[in-house]
């Protein structure tokens, strides 16, 4: 599957907090599902304390 919004593989295996950095979504914070593909338009929190819950960080 290809095209905008679809990929045949994933980039990240675990859920992560993602922050939009372009256009309408600039500054928007989202908890990405496991097995997601995150573009270079959205930095994400790659490392954090295991005691920190992602929904709280979001």
C-alpha atoms as a PDB file:
ATOM      1  CA  UNK A   1       0.000   0.000   0.000  1.00  0.00           C
ATOM      2  CA  UNK A   2       1.370   3.458  -0.766  1.00  0.00           C
ATOM      3  CA  UNK A   3       0.385   7.099  -1.038  1.00  0.00           C
ATOM      4  CA  UNK A   4      -0.270   9.852   1.461  1.00  0.00           C
ATOM      5  CA  UNK A   5      -1.103   8.449   4.878  1.00  0.00           C
ATOM      6  CA  UNK A   6      -0.224   4.840   4.018  1.00  0.00           C
ATOM      7  CA  UNK A   7       3.018   2.863   4.192  1.00  0.00           C
ATOM      8  CA  UNK A   8       3.859  -0.799   3.745  1.00  0.00           C
ATOM      9  CA  UNK A   9       6.117  -0.863   6.815  1.00  0.00           C
ATOM     10  CA  UNK A  10       6.426   0.948  10.129  1.00  0.00           C
ATOM     11  CA  UNK A  11       9.231   3.050  11.579  1.00  0.00           C
ATOM     12  CA  UNK A  12       8.479   2.838  15.308  1.00  0.00           C
ATOM     13  CA  UNK A  13       7.483  -0.310  17.171  1.00  0.00           C
ATOM     14  CA  UNK A  14       6.271   1.188  20.449  1.00  0.00           C
ATOM     15  CA  UNK A  15       3.837   4.012  21.263  1.00  0.00           C
ATOM     16  CA  UNK A  16       5.506   7.432  21.390  1.00  0.00           C
ATOM     17  CA  UNK A  17       4.593  11.050  22.045  1.00  0.00           C
ATOM     18  CA  UNK A  18       4.794  12.982  18.759  1.00  0.00           C
ATOM     19  CA  UNK A  19       4.843  16.785  18.340  1.00  0.00           C
ATOM     20  CA  UNK A  20       3.722  18.410  15.086  1.00  0.00           C
ATOM     21  CA  UNK A  21       6.097  21.016  13.668  1.00  0.00           C
ATOM     22  CA  UNK A  22       4.502  22.157  10.406  1.00  0.00           C
ATOM     23  CA  UNK A  23       1.385  24.110   9.489  1.00  0.00           C
ATOM     24  CA  UNK A  24      -1.889  23.519  11.276  1.00  0.00           C
ATOM     25  CA  UNK A  25      -0.395  20.751  13.431  1.00  0.00           C
ATOM     26  CA  UNK A  26       2.579  22.796  14.637  1.00  0.00           C
ATOM     27  CA  UNK A  27       2.714  22.295  18.392  1.00  0.00           C
ATOM     28  CA  UNK A  28       0.012  19.621  18.392  1.00  0.00           C
ATOM     29  CA  UNK A  29       0.873  16.708  20.692  1.00  0.00           C
ATOM     30  CA  UNK A  30      -0.296  13.177  19.931  1.00  0.00           C
ATOM     31  CA  UNK A  31       0.267   9.727  21.375  1.00  0.00           C
ATOM     32  CA  UNK A  32       1.156   7.598  18.339  1.00  0.00           C
ATOM     33  CA  UNK A  33       0.074   3.971  18.262  1.00  0.00           C
ATOM     34  CA  UNK A  34       2.595   1.121  18.106  1.00  0.00           C
ATOM     35  CA  UNK A  35       3.883   0.243  14.639  1.00  0.00           C
ATOM     36  CA  UNK A  36       3.575   3.798  13.296  1.00  0.00           C
ATOM     37  CA  UNK A  37       5.408   5.735  10.609  1.00  0.00           C
ATOM     38  CA  UNK A  38       6.415   9.237  11.749  1.00  0.00           C
ATOM     39  CA  UNK A  39       7.629  11.691   9.088  1.00  0.00           C
ATOM     40  CA  UNK A  40      10.355  14.293   9.531  1.00  0.00           C
ATOM     41  CA  UNK A  41       7.554  16.850  10.094  1.00  0.00           C
ATOM     42  CA  UNK A  42       6.930  15.485  13.580  1.00  0.00           C
ATOM     43  CA  UNK A  43       9.678  15.073  16.160  1.00  0.00           C
ATOM     44  CA  UNK A  44       8.994  12.455  18.815  1.00  0.00           C
ATOM     45  CA  UNK A  45      10.173  11.653  22.330  1.00  0.00           C
ATOM     46  CA  UNK A  46      12.555   8.734  21.755  1.00  0.00           C
ATOM     47  CA  UNK A  47      13.805   8.304  25.311  1.00  0.00           C
ATOM     48  CA  UNK A  48      12.215   8.911  28.696  1.00  0.00           C
ATOM     49  CA  UNK A  49      12.205   7.471  32.192  1.00  0.00           C
ATOM     50  CA  UNK A  50      10.356   4.152  32.389  1.00  0.00           C
ATOM     51  CA  UNK A  51       8.407   5.553  35.359  1.00  0.00           C
ATOM     52  CA  UNK A  52       6.952   8.333  33.161  1.00  0.00           C
ATOM     53  CA  UNK A  53       3.587   7.344  31.700  1.00  0.00           C
ATOM     54  CA  UNK A  54       3.162   8.433  28.068  1.00  0.00           C
ATOM     55  CA  UNK A  55      -0.452   9.643  28.472  1.00  0.00           C
ATOM     56  CA  UNK A  56       0.794  11.951  31.259  1.00  0.00           C
ATOM     57  CA  UNK A  57       3.639  13.241  29.064  1.00  0.00           C
ATOM     58  CA  UNK A  58       1.178  13.831  26.244  1.00  0.00           C
END
